[in-house]
Amino acid sequence: MQRRLSVVCLLYALLPATGLAAPDDPRSSSLDAGDARELPAEATFSDTPYNARGAPSVATSLGPYADPGGMRAFLARHGITYTLDYIGEVLGNASGGVKRGVLYEGRLDLQVTADLERLVGLDRTVLHANGYQIHGRGLSTFHLDNLLVVSGIEALASTRLFEVYVEHKFPGDAGSVRVGQLAADSEFLRSRYAGLFVNATFSWPGITSANLPSGGPAFVLATPGARVEWRPSETFRMRAAVFNGNPAGSGIGEPQRIDATGLAFRVQDPPFAIAEAVLDYGKAADHLPGTAKIGAWTHSGRFNDLRFGPDGLSLADPAGTGVPRRLRGDGGMYLILDQLVYRPPDRPDAGVGVFGRVSLSPSDRNLIDLYADAGVSVSGLVPGRPFDTFGAAVAYARISGPAVALDRDVARFLGQAYPVRSSEIALEATYQARIVPGWVLQPTVQYIVRPGGGIQDPFAPGFARIGDALVMGLRTTVRY
């Protein structure tokens, strides 16, 4: 069934190539209606629904096939809108990793929004939900065993609910409140310019996905929570949220298998809270705009000490219990900067943007204690291709001191050389080419340095590390 769905979606992706759409006009001085961007030079598509909202639709290229039976128009008249996004990609590692090979994965995303003011008279209130049909296999899980997952859509095959929430907006665009099953990665810890890239760490950073229970409330595991946003001015806003602290819940095995449908709706786990302040600046026509964010998060659950047991002995010591000491609470803080550094005078939505993020967490209970990434996004500057975007980025995840010390303890008790982890680095270069409005092709090249931070290769003789991996692939994204 999943293979048939993949084929159907790929055939749908090829529809625009049949001549139903006129080519983009390179003389255009602005993007298509509905192609709005928060900052110039950012991509209009990514693997996160938040970034996809407002992106152009392939329906504009389908002529009489854009709305079969008029169902979309009928629902819109009654306050219900929906979108379908399909992302399919082929990724392979030409060298390195635990084994070489090529894999296909895909994700169909159905998003539905109901205007409750029109439907039942609740002013400025909407109901939003989206679910996924995920198929194929992910390269990081099956071939690389690395921390900074090479694709933002990588997940175990499933059909599942993601977010479902009610949002009420305050009068005068002063903010909003959301309540329901939420994901933090749709709003928090995000860089707009980083949304261009295929590697998952540029959306939900590797430090949170590695350190939080079940990877935190992020793709593909949303969880019950509440979020409030306050906008005292056009240039400043604050948002804060509290979530159930373990989206999948306790259990043995992969969290995505523990909650295989997104219907667990857990509320009994210790809470995870996050807050963020956002400043937009330089939005006047004669300035280069940017966005600065500062945020912090806290988790009130218990976490394992990465080196010592309750007896004070190393977890590698044969005389010890081998059971980690339990530590109360966890937290982190982060800074994000998105900055436009060049804008051509005749293309207000084009230009060159750069981003940088840094995040810190306590070292005794977190695998990654320092994370940083940076990159550049260039949009609308390729001659004859005013809607294309390309960029390059690098991400760095440092293995915490106690985890490194544990590796040294293992080597000492073994009495022989053993891999000592240090850090993992991911580099990516990508190009997002618009075929028609609503359809892009995106080749990517990534290089993963020290997968897993430098862990042992389970298939290599002795204690050899997993080799650095060269990853190449092609993604297609279609929005209807």
Protein backbone atom coordinates (compact mmCIF):
# COMPACT_ATOMS: atom_id res chain seq x y z
CA MET A 1 0.00 0.00 0.00
CA GLN A 2 2.78 2.42 0.93
CA ARG A 3 4.64 1.69 -2.32
CA ARG A 4 1.50 2.38 -4.35
CA LEU A 5 1.03 5.67 -2.50
CA SER A 6 4.65 6.62 -3.25
CA VAL A 7 4.14 5.99 -6.95
CA VAL A 8 0.89 7.95 -7.04
CA CYS A 9 2.48 10.93 -5.32
CA LEU A 10 5.48 10.88 -7.63
CA LEU A 11 3.24 10.77 -10.69
CA TYR A 12 1.34 13.72 -9.26
CA ALA A 13 4.63 15.54 -8.84
CA LEU A 14 5.31 15.11 -12.55
CA LEU A 15 2.00 16.64 -13.64
CA PRO A 16 3.32 20.21 -13.89
CA ALA A 17 5.86 19.09 -16.48
CA THR A 18 3.09 18.38 -18.99
CA GLY A 19 2.79 21.96 -20.11
CA LEU A 20 -0.07 23.13 -17.93
CA ALA A 21 1.94 26.08 -16.64
CA ALA A 22 3.75 28.96 -18.22
CA PRO A 23 7.40 29.37 -17.32
CA ASP A 24 8.45 31.92 -14.71
CA ASP A 25 9.11 35.36 -16.12
CA PRO A 26 12.67 36.36 -15.16
CA ARG A 27 11.71 40.03 -15.52
CA SER A 28 9.34 39.77 -12.56
CA SER A 29 10.30 42.10 -9.70
CA SER A 30 8.41 40.26 -6.95
CA LEU A 31 7.35 36.79 -5.96
CA ASP A 32 4.00 35.26 -6.81
CA ALA A 33 1.01 36.16 -4.70
CA GLY A 34 1.04 33.85 -1.72
CA ASP A 35 4.82 33.42 -1.91
CA ALA A 36 5.30 35.60 1.15
CA ARG A 37 8.52 35.45 3.16
CA GLU A 38 9.23 36.66 6.64
CA LEU A 39 12.68 37.80 5.48
CA PRO A 40 14.05 38.39 1.96
CA ALA A 41 16.25 35.61 0.55
CA GLU A 42 14.71 32.78 2.58
CA ALA A 43 13.41 29.65 0.90
CA THR A 44 9.64 29.32 0.47
CA PHE A 45 9.64 25.56 1.06
CA SER A 46 11.07 23.42 3.81
CA ASP A 47 10.18 20.15 5.51
CA THR A 48 8.37 21.95 8.38
CA PRO A 49 4.67 22.82 7.89
CA TYR A 50 5.21 26.20 9.56
CA ASN A 51 7.56 27.27 6.75
CA ALA A 52 5.31 25.83 4.05
CA ARG A 53 2.30 27.95 5.02
CA GLY A 54 1.91 30.76 2.52
CA ALA A 55 4.06 29.01 -0.07
CA PRO A 56 2.68 28.89 -3.64
CA SER A 57 0.48 26.00 -4.70
CA VAL A 58 0.85 23.76 -7.73
CA ALA A 59 -2.91 24.22 -8.19
CA THR A 60 -2.16 27.46 -10.08
CA SER A 61 -0.55 25.29 -12.78
CA LEU A 62 -3.27 22.65 -13.09
CA GLY A 63 -5.94 24.66 -14.87
CA PRO A 64 -9.32 22.84 -14.81
CA TYR A 65 -7.78 20.06 -12.68
CA ALA A 66 -6.96 22.42 -9.83
CA ASP A 67 -10.18 21.69 -7.93
CA PRO A 68 -11.90 18.49 -9.12
CA GLY A 69 -15.61 18.64 -8.42
CA GLY A 70 -15.25 22.08 -6.83
CA MET A 71 -14.79 20.51 -3.38
CA ARG A 72 -11.97 22.84 -2.32
CA ALA A 73 -13.99 25.94 -3.21
CA PHE A 74 -17.09 24.53 -1.47
CA LEU A 75 -15.17 23.88 1.75
CA ALA A 76 -13.49 27.30 1.62
CA ARG A 77 -16.88 29.02 1.43
CA HIS A 78 -17.74 27.28 4.69
CA GLY A 79 -14.52 28.21 6.43
CA ILE A 80 -12.50 25.02 5.89
CA THR A 81 -9.22 25.02 3.97
CA TYR A 82 -6.70 22.26 3.40
CA THR A 83 -3.31 21.70 1.81
CA LEU A 84 -1.45 18.60 0.70
CA ASP A 85 2.36 18.63 0.75
CA TYR A 86 4.41 15.78 -0.62
CA ILE A 87 8.15 15.47 -0.06
CA GLY A 88 10.00 12.60 -1.70
CA GLU A 89 13.73 12.13 -1.76
CA VAL A 90 16.48 9.75 -2.75
CA LEU A 91 19.58 9.87 -0.53
CA GLY A 92 22.70 7.74 -0.61
CA ASN A 93 26.12 7.64 1.00
CA ALA A 94 28.92 7.17 -1.49
CA SER A 95 31.47 6.61 1.26
CA GLY A 96 31.62 6.19 5.03
CA GLY A 97 28.86 5.26 7.41
CA VAL A 98 28.22 1.72 8.62
CA LYS A 99 27.30 0.62 5.11
CA ARG A 100 26.94 2.14 1.65
CA GLY A 101 23.69 2.37 -0.27
CA VAL A 102 20.79 4.42 -1.61
CA LEU A 103 17.37 4.75 0.04
CA TYR A 104 14.06 6.39 -0.84
CA GLU A 105 11.75 8.03 1.68
CA GLY A 106 8.64 10.13 1.35
CA ARG A 107 6.11 12.04 3.41
CA LEU A 108 2.57 13.08 2.56
CA ASP A 109 1.28 15.85 4.84
CA LEU A 110 -2.41 16.75 5.03
CA GLN A 111 -3.14 20.05 6.81
CA VAL A 112 -6.68 21.19 7.59
CA THR A 113 -7.73 24.53 9.11
CA ALA A 114 -11.30 25.33 10.15
CA ASP A 115 -12.36 28.94 10.80
CA LEU A 116 -14.45 28.55 13.96
CA GLU A 117 -15.72 32.12 13.68
CA ARG A 118 -17.50 31.25 10.44
CA LEU A 119 -18.50 27.78 11.55
CA VAL A 120 -19.71 28.29 15.13
CA GLY A 121 -19.25 31.98 15.89
CA LEU A 122 -16.02 31.89 17.95
CA ASP A 123 -14.29 35.17 17.14
CA ARG A 124 -10.69 35.01 15.86
CA THR A 125 -10.44 31.27 16.54
CA VAL A 126 -9.32 28.42 14.29
CA LEU A 127 -8.93 24.68 14.61
CA HIS A 128 -5.84 23.28 12.90
CA ALA A 129 -4.74 19.68 12.39
CA ASN A 130 -2.24 17.83 10.27
CA GLY A 131 -1.21 14.23 9.82
CA TYR A 132 1.49 12.31 7.98
CA GLN A 133 1.78 9.24 5.81
CA ILE A 134 5.48 8.35 5.95
CA HIS A 135 7.06 5.63 3.85
CA GLY A 136 10.50 4.40 2.87
CA ARG A 137 13.62 4.23 5.04
CA GLY A 138 15.95 6.92 6.37
CA LEU A 139 19.65 7.01 5.60
CA SER A 140 20.84 8.07 9.08
CA THR A 141 18.92 5.27 10.80
CA PHE A 142 19.88 2.45 8.46
CA HIS A 143 23.24 3.49 6.97
CA LEU A 144 25.02 6.16 9.02
CA ASP A 145 24.20 5.89 12.75
CA ASN A 146 24.92 9.60 13.15
CA LEU A 147 23.49 12.30 15.41
CA LEU A 148 22.76 15.13 12.96
CA VAL A 149 20.15 13.30 10.89
CA VAL A 150 20.64 13.93 7.18
CA SER A 151 16.96 14.52 6.38
CA GLY A 152 14.25 16.53 8.09
CA ILE A 153 11.59 14.04 6.97
CA GLU A 154 13.41 10.94 8.23
CA ALA A 155 11.12 8.84 10.40
CA LEU A 156 9.89 5.29 10.70
CA ALA A 157 7.18 4.33 8.22
CA SER A 158 3.75 5.10 9.68
CA THR A 159 0.44 6.88 9.23
CA ARG A 160 0.02 9.24 12.16
CA LEU A 161 -1.54 12.37 13.59
CA PHE A 162 0.91 15.19 14.24
CA GLU A 163 -0.55 18.47 15.51
CA VAL A 164 -4.15 19.26 16.40
CA TYR A 165 -4.93 22.47 18.28
CA VAL A 166 -7.27 25.40 18.75
CA GLU A 167 -5.73 28.86 18.30
CA HIS A 168 -7.36 32.08 19.47
CA LYS A 169 -5.90 35.38 18.24
CA PHE A 170 -5.97 38.49 20.41
CA PRO A 171 -7.53 41.71 19.06
CA GLY A 172 -5.31 43.99 17.03
CA ASP A 173 -2.82 41.27 16.10
CA ALA A 174 -1.46 41.42 19.67
CA GLY A 175 -0.68 37.71 19.79
CA SER A 176 -2.46 34.40 20.23
CA VAL A 177 -2.84 31.32 22.38
CA ARG A 178 -2.77 27.69 21.24
CA VAL A 179 -3.99 24.65 23.14
CA GLY A 180 -3.90 21.03 21.98
CA GLN A 181 -1.33 18.60 20.66
CA LEU A 182 1.62 20.79 19.66
CA ALA A 183 5.16 20.59 18.33
CA ALA A 184 7.84 22.97 19.55
CA ASP A 185 9.82 22.80 16.30
CA SER A 186 7.09 24.62 14.36
CA GLU A 187 7.87 27.90 16.19
CA PHE A 188 10.77 27.61 18.66
CA LEU A 189 14.51 27.41 18.07
CA ARG A 190 13.99 28.13 14.38
CA SER A 191 16.13 30.11 11.99
CA ARG A 192 14.30 31.29 8.88
CA TYR A 193 17.37 31.08 6.65
CA ALA A 194 18.25 27.62 7.96
CA GLY A 195 14.90 26.32 6.68
CA LEU A 196 16.40 25.89 3.22
CA PHE A 197 18.51 22.88 4.15
CA VAL A 198 17.70 19.17 4.00
CA ASN A 199 19.60 18.04 7.12
CA ALA A 200 17.22 17.80 10.09
CA THR A 201 19.51 19.67 12.47
CA PHE A 202 18.88 22.94 10.64
CA SER A 203 15.22 22.80 11.69
CA TRP A 204 15.16 21.13 15.16
CA PRO A 205 18.79 21.31 16.33
CA GLY A 206 20.67 18.13 17.19
CA ILE A 207 21.27 19.27 20.77
CA THR A 208 17.56 19.10 21.62
CA SER A 209 16.77 16.01 19.57
CA ALA A 210 19.65 14.13 21.26
CA ASN A 211 19.10 15.37 24.82
CA LEU A 212 15.32 15.51 25.35
CA PRO A 213 13.16 12.44 26.06
CA SER A 214 11.85 10.99 22.77
CA GLY A 215 13.72 13.80 20.97
CA GLY A 216 11.40 16.46 22.40
CA PRO A 217 8.07 17.69 21.02
CA ALA A 218 9.17 17.81 17.39
CA PHE A 219 8.68 15.89 14.16
CA VAL A 220 7.27 13.29 14.29
CA LEU A 221 6.15 13.30 17.94
CA ALA A 222 3.89 16.19 18.93
CA THR A 223 2.40 16.13 22.43
CA PRO A 224 -0.28 17.93 24.50
CA GLY A 225 0.65 21.47 25.48
CA ALA A 226 -0.21 25.14 25.44
CA ARG A 227 1.54 28.11 23.82
CA VAL A 228 1.00 31.85 24.27
CA GLU A 229 2.47 34.61 22.08
CA TRP A 230 2.41 38.33 22.87
CA ARG A 231 3.18 41.01 20.28
CA PRO A 232 3.47 44.44 21.94
CA SER A 233 4.76 45.96 18.69
CA GLU A 234 5.40 45.10 15.05
CA THR A 235 9.08 44.46 15.77
CA PHE A 236 9.01 42.60 19.08
CA ARG A 237 7.25 39.46 20.25
CA MET A 238 7.55 36.90 23.03
CA ARG A 239 6.29 33.35 23.10
CA ALA A 240 6.28 30.65 25.73
CA ALA A 241 4.96 27.11 25.84
CA VAL A 242 4.65 24.13 28.16
CA PHE A 243 4.44 20.56 26.89
CA ASN A 244 4.11 17.08 28.27
CA GLY A 245 7.78 16.22 28.78
CA ASN A 246 7.96 12.85 27.03
CA PRO A 247 5.95 12.75 23.79
CA ALA A 248 6.13 8.96 23.36
CA GLY A 249 6.19 8.03 27.04
CA SER A 250 8.30 5.48 28.81
CA GLY A 251 8.89 2.10 27.27
CA ILE A 252 11.46 -0.15 25.67
CA GLY A 253 12.52 0.56 22.11
CA GLU A 254 12.18 3.30 19.53
CA PRO A 255 9.87 6.17 20.71
CA GLN A 256 8.18 6.27 17.30
CA ARG A 257 7.12 2.66 17.81
CA ILE A 258 5.93 3.28 21.37
CA ASP A 259 3.52 5.93 20.03
CA ALA A 260 3.05 4.62 16.50
CA THR A 261 -0.06 6.65 15.61
CA GLY A 262 0.33 10.02 17.38
CA LEU A 263 -2.75 9.26 19.46
CA ALA A 264 -1.13 8.66 22.86
CA PHE A 265 -2.03 12.19 24.12
CA ARG A 266 0.16 11.78 27.21
CA VAL A 267 -0.23 14.36 29.99
CA GLN A 268 1.32 12.60 33.01
CA ASP A 269 5.05 13.09 32.30
CA PRO A 270 7.17 15.85 33.94
CA PRO A 271 6.73 19.04 31.90
CA PHE A 272 9.01 20.60 29.33
CA ALA A 273 8.81 24.41 29.05
CA ILE A 274 10.41 26.78 26.57
CA ALA A 275 10.33 30.57 26.09
CA GLU A 276 11.71 32.86 23.40
CA ALA A 277 11.98 36.61 22.74
CA VAL A 278 12.15 37.79 19.12
CA LEU A 279 13.27 41.15 17.78
CA ASP A 280 12.78 42.12 14.13
CA TYR A 281 14.86 45.09 13.04
CA GLY A 282 15.83 47.07 9.96
CA LYS A 283 12.58 46.52 8.07
CA ALA A 284 12.58 50.00 6.53
CA ALA A 285 13.07 50.00 2.77
CA ASP A 286 16.59 51.47 3.03
CA HIS A 287 17.82 48.99 5.67
CA LEU A 288 18.87 45.35 5.63
CA PRO A 289 16.39 43.49 7.88
CA GLY A 290 17.20 40.81 10.40
CA THR A 291 15.80 38.86 13.31
CA ALA A 292 17.43 38.14 16.67
CA LYS A 293 16.11 35.53 19.11
CA ILE A 294 17.08 34.55 22.63
CA GLY A 295 15.49 31.63 24.39
CA ALA A 296 15.74 29.03 27.13
CA TRP A 297 14.12 25.74 28.03
CA THR A 298 13.77 23.60 31.15
CA HIS A 299 12.65 20.05 31.87
CA SER A 300 11.63 18.92 35.35
CA GLY A 301 12.13 15.18 34.84
CA ARG A 302 15.04 12.98 35.85
CA PHE A 303 18.04 12.31 33.62
CA ASN A 304 20.89 9.83 33.65
CA ASP A 305 24.38 10.85 34.71
CA LEU A 306 26.59 10.10 31.71
CA ARG A 307 29.58 8.78 33.65
CA PHE A 308 28.84 7.76 37.23
CA GLY A 309 26.46 5.42 39.03
CA PRO A 310 24.87 6.04 42.45
CA ASP A 311 27.87 4.25 44.01
CA GLY A 312 30.22 6.93 42.67
CA LEU A 313 31.98 4.47 40.37
CA SER A 314 32.31 4.83 36.63
CA LEU A 315 29.64 3.08 34.59
CA ALA A 316 32.52 1.28 32.85
CA ASP A 317 33.94 -0.08 36.12
CA PRO A 318 33.28 -3.85 36.42
CA ALA A 319 33.04 -3.39 40.22
CA GLY A 320 30.17 -0.92 39.87
CA THR A 321 26.48 -1.45 39.33
CA GLY A 322 26.52 -0.18 35.74
CA VAL A 323 23.31 1.72 36.51
CA PRO A 324 23.58 5.50 35.99
CA ARG A 325 22.97 7.97 38.78
CA ARG A 326 19.72 9.88 38.34
CA LEU A 327 19.85 13.68 38.21
CA ARG A 328 16.89 16.00 38.63
CA GLY A 329 16.01 18.48 35.89
CA ASP A 330 17.64 19.68 32.70
CA GLY A 331 17.78 22.89 30.70
CA GLY A 332 19.39 24.89 27.98
CA MET A 333 19.65 28.31 26.41
CA TYR A 334 20.16 29.55 22.87
CA LEU A 335 20.75 32.53 20.59
CA ILE A 336 19.71 32.86 16.94
CA LEU A 337 20.48 35.51 14.35
CA ASP A 338 19.07 35.84 10.81
CA GLN A 339 20.53 38.75 8.84
CA LEU A 340 20.09 39.95 5.26
CA VAL A 341 23.51 41.10 4.05
CA TYR A 342 22.68 42.01 0.44
CA ARG A 343 19.50 42.97 -1.42
CA PRO A 344 19.45 43.96 -5.12
CA PRO A 345 17.67 47.26 -5.72
CA ASP A 346 15.16 45.76 -8.17
CA ARG A 347 14.23 42.61 -6.18
CA PRO A 348 12.96 43.42 -2.67
CA ASP A 349 12.39 39.73 -1.85
CA ALA A 350 15.75 38.51 -3.18
CA GLY A 351 19.24 38.74 -1.78
CA VAL A 352 21.78 37.06 0.44
CA GLY A 353 20.96 36.10 4.01
CA VAL A 354 23.13 34.56 6.71
CA PHE A 355 22.20 32.79 9.93
CA GLY A 356 23.86 31.58 13.10
CA ARG A 357 22.67 29.64 16.15
CA VAL A 358 24.35 28.54 19.35
CA SER A 359 22.90 26.45 22.18
CA LEU A 360 24.24 25.22 25.53
CA SER A 361 23.12 22.54 28.01
CA PRO A 362 24.62 21.04 31.21
CA SER A 363 27.33 18.50 30.42
CA ASP A 364 26.74 15.93 33.19
CA ARG A 365 23.33 14.77 31.92
CA ASN A 366 23.38 15.60 28.18
CA LEU A 367 25.13 13.82 25.35
CA ILE A 368 25.62 17.15 23.50
CA ASP A 369 26.52 20.16 25.66
CA LEU A 370 27.39 22.67 22.92
CA TYR A 371 25.78 23.09 19.52
CA ALA A 372 26.38 25.73 16.85
CA ASP A 373 25.46 26.15 13.21
CA ALA A 374 25.81 28.83 10.56
CA GLY A 375 25.11 29.27 6.88
CA VAL A 376 24.18 31.42 3.94
CA SER A 377 21.03 31.48 1.76
CA VAL A 378 21.05 33.14 -1.67
CA SER A 379 17.70 33.70 -3.38
CA GLY A 380 16.66 35.24 -6.70
CA LEU A 381 20.16 36.03 -7.94
CA VAL A 382 20.65 33.29 -10.57
CA PRO A 383 20.18 34.85 -14.04
CA GLY A 384 16.88 33.73 -15.54
CA ARG A 385 15.93 31.87 -12.32
CA PRO A 386 14.35 34.53 -10.04
CA PHE A 387 12.67 31.98 -7.75
CA ASP A 388 15.61 29.66 -7.08
CA THR A 389 17.49 29.54 -3.78
CA PHE A 390 20.83 27.97 -2.95
CA GLY A 391 22.99 27.86 0.14
CA ALA A 392 25.68 26.27 2.24
CA ALA A 393 25.74 25.55 5.97
CA VAL A 394 27.70 23.81 8.70
CA ALA A 395 26.59 22.38 12.06
CA TYR A 396 28.74 21.36 15.02
CA ALA A 397 27.68 19.19 17.97
CA ARG A 398 30.17 18.70 20.82
CA ILE A 399 30.02 15.52 22.88
CA SER A 400 29.89 16.44 26.57
CA GLY A 401 32.89 15.98 28.86
CA PRO A 402 31.43 13.18 31.03
CA ALA A 403 30.52 11.14 27.93
CA VAL A 404 34.08 11.57 26.64
CA ALA A 405 35.44 10.60 30.07
CA LEU A 406 33.29 7.45 30.05
CA ASP A 407 34.87 6.41 26.75
CA ARG A 408 38.29 6.84 28.32
CA ASP A 409 37.15 4.77 31.29
CA VAL A 410 36.09 1.99 28.92
CA ALA A 411 39.51 2.05 27.26
CA ARG A 412 41.21 1.94 30.66
CA PHE A 413 39.23 -1.03 31.93
CA LEU A 414 39.58 -2.87 28.61
CA GLY A 415 43.29 -2.23 28.66
CA GLN A 416 43.37 -1.39 24.94
CA ALA A 417 42.55 1.36 22.48
CA TYR A 418 38.87 2.30 22.25
CA PRO A 419 37.18 5.12 20.27
CA VAL A 420 36.80 8.29 22.33
CA ARG A 421 34.00 10.52 21.06
CA SER A 422 34.58 14.23 20.51
CA SER A 423 32.08 15.89 18.15
CA GLU A 424 30.06 15.48 14.99
CA ILE A 425 30.09 18.00 12.13
CA ALA A 426 27.60 18.19 9.25
CA LEU A 427 28.26 20.27 6.13
CA GLU A 428 25.62 20.79 3.44
CA ALA A 429 25.34 22.54 0.09
CA THR A 430 21.95 22.60 -1.63
CA TYR A 431 20.06 24.22 -4.51
CA GLN A 432 16.29 24.67 -4.56
CA ALA A 433 15.02 24.99 -8.15
CA ARG A 434 11.43 25.98 -8.85
CA ILE A 435 9.94 24.01 -11.73
CA VAL A 436 6.55 25.73 -11.52
CA PRO A 437 4.89 27.53 -8.60
CA GLY A 438 4.27 24.89 -5.95
CA TRP A 439 6.89 22.40 -7.15
CA VAL A 440 10.62 22.47 -6.46
CA LEU A 441 13.52 20.08 -7.02
CA GLN A 442 16.39 20.21 -4.55
CA PRO A 443 19.72 18.40 -4.91
CA THR A 444 21.81 18.18 -1.75
CA VAL A 445 25.38 17.24 -0.94
CA GLN A 446 26.34 16.61 2.70
CA TYR A 447 29.52 15.53 4.44
CA ILE A 448 29.28 14.04 7.94
CA VAL A 449 32.48 14.19 9.99
CA ARG A 450 32.77 11.61 12.80
CA PRO A 451 29.26 10.07 12.67
CA GLY A 452 27.93 9.59 16.18
CA GLY A 453 30.69 11.84 17.47
CA GLY A 454 33.29 9.19 16.60
CA ILE A 455 31.64 5.96 17.78
CA GLN A 456 32.75 2.43 17.05
CA ASP A 457 31.71 0.89 13.73
CA PRO A 458 29.72 -2.24 14.70
CA PHE A 459 30.66 -3.99 11.45
CA ALA A 460 34.37 -3.15 11.37
CA PRO A 461 37.04 -5.36 12.95
CA GLY A 462 38.58 -4.21 16.22
CA PHE A 463 37.47 -0.83 17.52
CA ALA A 464 37.51 1.21 14.29
CA ARG A 465 35.34 4.31 14.12
CA ILE A 466 32.50 4.81 11.68
CA GLY A 467 33.99 6.50 8.62
CA ASP A 468 33.16 10.05 7.56
CA ALA A 469 30.19 9.92 5.20
CA LEU A 470 29.61 11.64 1.86
CA VAL A 471 25.86 11.92 1.25
CA MET A 472 24.21 12.97 -2.01
CA GLY A 473 20.59 13.06 -3.01
CA LEU A 474 17.62 14.74 -4.64
CA ARG A 475 14.41 15.97 -2.99
CA THR A 476 11.16 16.93 -4.68
CA THR A 477 8.51 19.00 -2.89
CA VAL A 478 4.99 19.52 -4.17
CA ARG A 479 2.37 21.70 -2.48
CA TYR A 480 -1.32 21.56 -3.38
